[in-house]
């Protein structure tokens, strides 16, 4: 039963990834508040680009962490 559920979830995720222009909305927690949330909607392509940019920023910061001392 668990394997079937995992397969269905995987198939849904794969179907969602096929259309890069599909609009996806996410609820994000606001900094400084435990309750306030903001809903952001972007295409799957834009979410992927934001994720890649964030990853690149984190890697750059981590790589330069010890160079500034």
PDB file of N, CA and C in Angstrom:
ATOM      1  N   UNK A   1       0.814  -1.189   0.000  1.00  0.00           N
ATOM      2  CA  UNK A   1       0.000   0.000   0.000  1.00  0.00           C
ATOM      3  C   UNK A   1       0.861   1.258   0.000  1.00  0.00           C
ATOM      4  N   UNK A   2       1.930   1.236   0.805  1.00  0.00           N
ATOM      5  CA  UNK A   2       2.819   2.394   0.882  1.00  0.00           C
ATOM      6  C   UNK A   2       3.513   2.617  -0.454  1.00  0.00           C
ATOM      7  N   UNK A   3       3.919   1.536  -1.107  1.00  0.00           N
ATOM      8  CA  UNK A   3       4.588   1.665  -2.399  1.00  0.00           C
ATOM      9  C   UNK A   3       3.651   2.252  -3.446  1.00  0.00           C
ATOM     10  N   UNK A   4       2.393   1.865  -3.406  1.00  0.00           N
ATOM     11  CA  UNK A   4       1.424   2.402  -4.358  1.00  0.00           C
ATOM     12  C   UNK A   4       1.230   3.898  -4.137  1.00  0.00           C
ATOM     13  N   UNK A   5       1.169   4.304  -2.875  1.00  0.00           N
ATOM     14  CA  UNK A   5       1.012   5.718  -2.553  1.00  0.00           C
ATOM     15  C   UNK A   5       2.224   6.516  -3.029  1.00  0.00           C
ATOM     16  N   UNK A   6       3.413   5.978  -2.820  1.00  0.00           N
ATOM     17  CA  UNK A   6       4.629   6.652  -3.261  1.00  0.00           C
ATOM     18  C   UNK A   6       4.662   6.762  -4.785  1.00  0.00           C
ATOM     19  N   UNK A   7       4.206   5.730  -5.471  1.00  0.00           N
ATOM     20  CA  UNK A   7       4.189   5.755  -6.936  1.00  0.00           C
ATOM     21  C   UNK A   7       3.215   6.802  -7.451  1.00  0.00           C
ATOM     22  N   UNK A   8       2.061   6.918  -6.818  1.00  0.00           N
ATOM     23  CA  UNK A   8       1.072   7.917  -7.226  1.00  0.00           C
ATOM     24  C   UNK A   8       1.624   9.318  -7.000  1.00  0.00           C
ATOM     25  N   UNK A   9       2.262   9.540  -5.851  1.00  0.00           N
ATOM     26  CA  UNK A   9       2.847  10.846  -5.554  1.00  0.00           C
ATOM     27  C   UNK A   9       3.939  11.183  -6.563  1.00  0.00           C
ATOM     28  N   UNK A  10       4.746  10.202  -6.913  1.00  0.00           N
ATOM     29  CA  UNK A  10       5.817  10.416  -7.888  1.00  0.00           C
ATOM     30  C   UNK A  10       5.232  10.759  -9.257  1.00  0.00           C
ATOM     31  N   UNK A  11       4.180  10.055  -9.658  1.00  0.00           N
ATOM     32  CA  UNK A  11       3.545  10.319 -10.952  1.00  0.00           C
ATOM     33  C   UNK A  11       2.929  11.712 -10.986  1.00  0.00           C
ATOM     34  N   UNK A  12       2.317  12.154  -9.890  1.00  0.00           N
ATOM     35  CA  UNK A  12       1.750  13.499  -9.836  1.00  0.00           C
ATOM     36  C   UNK A  12       2.845  14.550  -9.934  1.00  0.00           C
ATOM     37  N   UNK A  13       3.949  14.306  -9.251  1.00  0.00           N
ATOM     38  CA  UNK A  13       5.063  15.248  -9.298  1.00  0.00           C
ATOM     39  C   UNK A  13       5.640  15.309 -10.711  1.00  0.00           C
ATOM     40  N   UNK A  14       5.766  14.187 -11.366  1.00  0.00           N
ATOM     41  CA  UNK A  14       6.281  14.154 -12.730  1.00  0.00           C
ATOM     42  C   UNK A  14       5.326  14.879 -13.673  1.00  0.00           C
ATOM     43  N   UNK A  15       4.032  14.716 -13.474  1.00  0.00           N
ATOM     44  CA  UNK A  15       3.047  15.402 -14.323  1.00  0.00           C
ATOM     45  C   UNK A  15       3.113  16.907 -14.109  1.00  0.00           C
ATOM     46  N   UNK A  16       3.333  17.329 -12.881  1.00  0.00           N
ATOM     47  CA  UNK A  16       3.423  18.757 -12.588  1.00  0.00           C
ATOM     48  C   UNK A  16       4.669  19.364 -13.213  1.00  0.00           C
ATOM     49  N   UNK A  17       5.723  18.585 -13.351  1.00  0.00           N
ATOM     50  CA  UNK A  17       6.976  19.092 -13.901  1.00  0.00           C
ATOM     51  C   UNK A  17       6.963  19.167 -15.430  1.00  0.00           C
ATOM     52  N   UNK A  18       5.956  18.618 -16.069  1.00  0.00           N
ATOM     53  CA  UNK A  18       5.953  18.612 -17.527  1.00  0.00           C
ATOM     54  C   UNK A  18       5.598  19.970 -18.115  1.00  0.00           C
ATOM     55  N   UNK A  19       4.852  20.794 -17.396  1.00  0.00           N
ATOM     56  CA  UNK A  19       4.445  22.103 -17.911  1.00  0.00           C
ATOM     57  C   UNK A  19       5.164  23.203 -17.139  1.00  0.00           C
ATOM     58  N   UNK A  20       6.240  23.768 -17.704  1.00  0.00           N
ATOM     59  CA  UNK A  20       7.002  24.792 -16.978  1.00  0.00           C
ATOM     60  C   UNK A  20       6.269  26.120 -16.845  1.00  0.00           C
ATOM     61  N   UNK A  21       5.179  26.292 -17.593  1.00  0.00           N
ATOM     62  CA  UNK A  21       4.432  27.545 -17.523  1.00  0.00           C
ATOM     63  C   UNK A  21       3.219  27.458 -16.601  1.00  0.00           C
ATOM     64  N   UNK A  22       3.022  26.313 -15.963  1.00  0.00           N
ATOM     65  CA  UNK A  22       1.911  26.151 -15.034  1.00  0.00           C
ATOM     66  C   UNK A  22       2.143  27.039 -13.814  1.00  0.00           C
ATOM     67  N   UNK A  23       1.114  27.766 -13.414  1.00  0.00           N
ATOM     68  CA  UNK A  23       1.234  28.667 -12.261  1.00  0.00           C
ATOM     69  C   UNK A  23       1.095  27.853 -10.985  1.00  0.00           C
ATOM     70  N   UNK A  24       2.058  28.049 -10.078  1.00  0.00           N
ATOM     71  CA  UNK A  24       2.075  27.366  -8.794  1.00  0.00           C
ATOM     72  C   UNK A  24       2.065  28.422  -7.706  1.00  0.00           C
ATOM     73  N   UNK A  25       1.155  28.289  -6.750  1.00  0.00           N
ATOM     74  CA  UNK A  25       1.074  29.236  -5.637  1.00  0.00           C
ATOM     75  C   UNK A  25       1.600  28.564  -4.374  1.00  0.00           C
ATOM     76  N   UNK A  26       2.374  29.320  -3.626  1.00  0.00           N
ATOM     77  CA  UNK A  26       2.937  28.829  -2.366  1.00  0.00           C
ATOM     78  C   UNK A  26       2.699  29.855  -1.288  1.00  0.00           C
ATOM     79  N   UNK A  27       2.480  29.363  -0.088  1.00  0.00           N
ATOM     80  CA  UNK A  27       2.294  30.232   1.066  1.00  0.00           C
ATOM     81  C   UNK A  27       3.608  30.289   1.824  1.00  0.00           C
ATOM     82  N   UNK A  28       4.123  31.500   2.038  1.00  0.00           N
ATOM     83  CA  UNK A  28       5.416  31.663   2.700  1.00  0.00           C
ATOM     84  C   UNK A  28       5.234  32.430   3.998  1.00  0.00           C
ATOM     85  N   UNK A  29       5.950  32.000   5.007  1.00  0.00           N
ATOM     86  CA  UNK A  29       5.873  32.661   6.308  1.00  0.00           C
ATOM     87  C   UNK A  29       6.663  33.963   6.285  1.00  0.00           C
ATOM     88  N   UNK A  30       6.071  35.006   6.824  1.00  0.00           N
ATOM     89  CA  UNK A  30       6.740  36.304   6.879  1.00  0.00           C
ATOM     90  C   UNK A  30       7.781  36.312   7.985  1.00  0.00           C
ATOM     91  N   UNK A  31       8.910  36.930   7.728  1.00  0.00           N
ATOM     92  CA  UNK A  31       9.967  37.044   8.720  1.00  0.00           C
ATOM     93  C   UNK A  31       9.491  37.929   9.863  1.00  0.00           C
ATOM     94  N   UNK A  32       9.718  37.488  11.088  1.00  0.00           N
ATOM     95  CA  UNK A  32       9.346  38.280  12.258  1.00  0.00           C
ATOM     96  C   UNK A  32       7.944  38.010  12.756  1.00  0.00           C
ATOM     97  N   UNK A  33       7.253  37.065  12.147  1.00  0.00           N
ATOM     98  CA  UNK A  33       5.903  36.750  12.583  1.00  0.00           C
ATOM     99  C   UNK A  33       5.698  35.244  12.531  1.00  0.00           C
ATOM    100  N   UNK A  34       5.054  34.730  13.560  1.00  0.00           N
ATOM    101  CA  UNK A  34       4.768  33.296  13.566  1.00  0.00           C
ATOM    102  C   UNK A  34       3.465  32.989  12.838  1.00  0.00           C
ATOM    103  N   UNK A  35       2.620  33.984  12.651  1.00  0.00           N
ATOM    104  CA  UNK A  35       1.307  33.733  12.081  1.00  0.00           C
ATOM    105  C   UNK A  35       1.114  34.291  10.680  1.00  0.00           C
ATOM    106  N   UNK A  36       1.715  35.423  10.381  1.00  0.00           N
ATOM    107  CA  UNK A  36       1.491  36.069   9.083  1.00  0.00           C
ATOM    108  C   UNK A  36       2.120  35.261   7.955  1.00  0.00           C
ATOM    109  N   UNK A  37       1.364  35.099   6.889  1.00  0.00           N
ATOM    110  CA  UNK A  37       1.848  34.370   5.716  1.00  0.00           C
ATOM    111  C   UNK A  37       1.501  35.172   4.472  1.00  0.00           C
ATOM    112  N   UNK A  38       2.318  35.007   3.446  1.00  0.00           N
ATOM    113  CA  UNK A  38       2.103  35.681   2.174  1.00  0.00           C
ATOM    114  C   UNK A  38       1.991  34.623   1.087  1.00  0.00           C
ATOM    115  N   UNK A  39       1.000  34.774   0.223  1.00  0.00           N
ATOM    116  CA  UNK A  39       0.822  33.842  -0.886  1.00  0.00           C
ATOM    117  C   UNK A  39       1.530  34.400  -2.116  1.00  0.00           C
ATOM    118  N   UNK A  40       2.427  33.593  -2.701  1.00  0.00           N
ATOM    119  CA  UNK A  40       3.162  34.001  -3.898  1.00  0.00           C
ATOM    120  C   UNK A  40       2.847  33.021  -5.013  1.00  0.00           C
ATOM    121  N   UNK A  41       2.536  33.554  -6.181  1.00  0.00           N
ATOM    122  CA  UNK A  41       2.222  32.730  -7.345  1.00  0.00           C
ATOM    123  C   UNK A  41       3.194  33.062  -8.472  1.00  0.00           C
ATOM    124  N   UNK A  42       3.820  32.026  -9.010  1.00  0.00           N
ATOM    125  CA  UNK A  42       4.734  32.166 -10.143  1.00  0.00           C
ATOM    126  C   UNK A  42       4.631  30.895 -10.972  1.00  0.00           C
ATOM    127  N   UNK A  43       5.158  30.948 -12.166  1.00  0.00           N
ATOM    128  CA  UNK A  43       5.184  29.741 -12.997  1.00  0.00           C
ATOM    129  C   UNK A  43       6.239  28.783 -12.435  1.00  0.00           C
ATOM    130  N   UNK A  44       6.107  27.527 -12.794  1.00  0.00           N
ATOM    131  CA  UNK A  44       7.077  26.526 -12.339  1.00  0.00           C
ATOM    132  C   UNK A  44       8.482  26.899 -12.800  1.00  0.00           C
ATOM    133  N   UNK A  45       8.580  27.474 -13.978  1.00  0.00           N
ATOM    134  CA  UNK A  45       9.877  27.904 -14.515  1.00  0.00           C
ATOM    135  C   UNK A  45      10.478  29.002 -13.626  1.00  0.00           C
ATOM    136  N   UNK A  46       9.646  29.952 -13.186  1.00  0.00           N
ATOM    137  CA  UNK A  46      10.125  31.037 -12.318  1.00  0.00           C
ATOM    138  C   UNK A  46      10.525  30.519 -10.945  1.00  0.00           C
ATOM    139  N   UNK A  47       9.759  29.552 -10.402  1.00  0.00           N
ATOM    140  CA  UNK A  47      10.143  28.956  -9.115  1.00  0.00           C
ATOM    141  C   UNK A  47      11.499  28.263  -9.240  1.00  0.00           C
ATOM    142  N   UNK A  48      11.704  27.546 -10.340  1.00  0.00           N
ATOM    143  CA  UNK A  48      12.985  26.858 -10.548  1.00  0.00           C
ATOM    144  C   UNK A  48      14.134  27.853 -10.668  1.00  0.00           C
ATOM    145  N   UNK A  49      13.899  28.960 -11.367  1.00  0.00           N
ATOM    146  CA  UNK A  49      14.937  29.985 -11.514  1.00  0.00           C
ATOM    147  C   UNK A  49      15.260  30.619 -10.163  1.00  0.00           C
ATOM    148  N   UNK A  50      14.236  30.880  -9.355  1.00  0.00           N
ATOM    149  CA  UNK A  50      14.470  31.459  -8.028  1.00  0.00           C
ATOM    150  C   UNK A  50      15.231  30.481  -7.139  1.00  0.00           C
ATOM    151  N   UNK A  51      14.869  29.211  -7.214  1.00  0.00           N
ATOM    152  CA  UNK A  51      15.556  28.190  -6.428  1.00  0.00           C
ATOM    153  C   UNK A  51      17.032  28.104  -6.827  1.00  0.00           C
ATOM    154  N   UNK A  52      17.312  28.146  -8.127  1.00  0.00           N
ATOM    155  CA  UNK A  52      18.696  28.090  -8.608  1.00  0.00           C
ATOM    156  C   UNK A  52      19.481  29.325  -8.175  1.00  0.00           C
ATOM    157  N   UNK A  53      18.855  30.495  -8.233  1.00  0.00           N
ATOM    158  CA  UNK A  53      19.536  31.729  -7.817  1.00  0.00           C
ATOM    159  C   UNK A  53      19.831  31.698  -6.317  1.00  0.00           C
ATOM    160  N   UNK A  54      18.877  31.211  -5.522  1.00  0.00           N
ATOM    161  CA  UNK A  54      19.099  31.109  -4.077  1.00  0.00           C
ATOM    162  C   UNK A  54      20.224  30.133  -3.763  1.00  0.00           C
ATOM    163  N   UNK A  55      20.243  29.017  -4.461  1.00  0.00           N
ATOM    164  CA  UNK A  55      21.303  28.027  -4.250  1.00  0.00           C
ATOM    165  C   UNK A  55      22.668  28.606  -4.605  1.00  0.00           C
ATOM    166  N   UNK A  56      22.714  29.345  -5.710  1.00  0.00           N
ATOM    167  CA  UNK A  56      23.975  29.958  -6.136  1.00  0.00           C
ATOM    168  C   UNK A  56      24.447  30.990  -5.097  1.00  0.00           C
ATOM    169  N   UNK A  57      23.528  31.791  -4.565  1.00  0.00           N
ATOM    170  CA  UNK A  57      23.885  32.766  -3.531  1.00  0.00           C
ATOM    171  C   UNK A  57      24.433  32.089  -2.286  1.00  0.00           C
ATOM    172  N   UNK A  58      23.785  31.019  -1.858  1.00  0.00           N
ATOM    173  CA  UNK A  58      24.236  30.298  -0.662  1.00  0.00           C
ATOM    174  C   UNK A  58      25.620  29.706  -0.885  1.00  0.00           C
ATOM    175  N   UNK A  59      25.836  29.097  -2.049  1.00  0.00           N
ATOM    176  CA  UNK A  59      27.145  28.513  -2.351  1.00  0.00           C
ATOM    177  C   UNK A  59      28.234  29.585  -2.398  1.00  0.00           C
ATOM    178  N   UNK A  60      27.917  30.757  -2.955  1.00  0.00           N
ATOM    179  CA  UNK A  60      28.884  31.857  -3.026  1.00  0.00           C
ATOM    180  C   UNK A  60      29.228  32.345  -1.620  1.00  0.00           C
ATOM    181  N   UNK A  61      28.230  32.494  -0.777  1.00  0.00           N
ATOM    182  CA  UNK A  61      28.467  32.957   0.595  1.00  0.00           C
ATOM    183  C   UNK A  61      29.301  31.939   1.362  1.00  0.00           C
ATOM    184  N   UNK A  62      28.971  30.667   1.211  1.00  0.00           N
ATOM    185  CA  UNK A  62      29.721  29.629   1.918  1.00  0.00           C
ATOM    186  C   UNK A  62      31.153  29.529   1.417  1.00  0.00           C
ATOM    187  N   UNK A  63      31.370  29.731   0.139  1.00  0.00           N
ATOM    188  CA  UNK A  63      32.718  29.655  -0.418  1.00  0.00           C
ATOM    189  C   UNK A  63      33.577  30.827   0.049  1.00  0.00           C
ATOM    190  N   UNK A  64      32.967  31.977   0.268  1.00  0.00           N
ATOM    191  CA  UNK A  64      33.705  33.175   0.669  1.00  0.00           C
ATOM    192  C   UNK A  64      33.742  33.386   2.182  1.00  0.00           C
ATOM    193  N   UNK A  65      33.184  32.465   2.919  1.00  0.00           N
ATOM    194  CA  UNK A  65      33.078  32.632   4.372  1.00  0.00           C
ATOM    195  C   UNK A  65      34.431  32.854   5.033  1.00  0.00           C
ATOM    196  N   UNK A  66      35.441  32.116   4.634  1.00  0.00           N
ATOM    197  CA  UNK A  66      36.735  32.193   5.309  1.00  0.00           C
ATOM    198  C   UNK A  66      37.736  33.104   4.598  1.00  0.00           C
ATOM    199  N   UNK A  67      37.390  33.602   3.450  1.00  0.00           N
ATOM    200  CA  UNK A  67      38.302  34.453   2.697  1.00  0.00           C
ATOM    201  C   UNK A  67      38.348  35.875   3.250  1.00  0.00           C
ATOM    202  N   UNK A  68      37.322  36.305   3.942  1.00  0.00           N
ATOM    203  CA  UNK A  68      37.247  37.681   4.426  1.00  0.00           C
ATOM    204  C   UNK A  68      37.887  37.881   5.797  1.00  0.00           C
ATOM    205  N   UNK A  69      38.389  36.845   6.409  1.00  0.00           N
ATOM    206  CA  UNK A  69      38.983  36.971   7.757  1.00  0.00           C
ATOM    207  C   UNK A  69      40.415  37.351   7.713  1.00  0.00           C
TER     208      UNK A  69
END
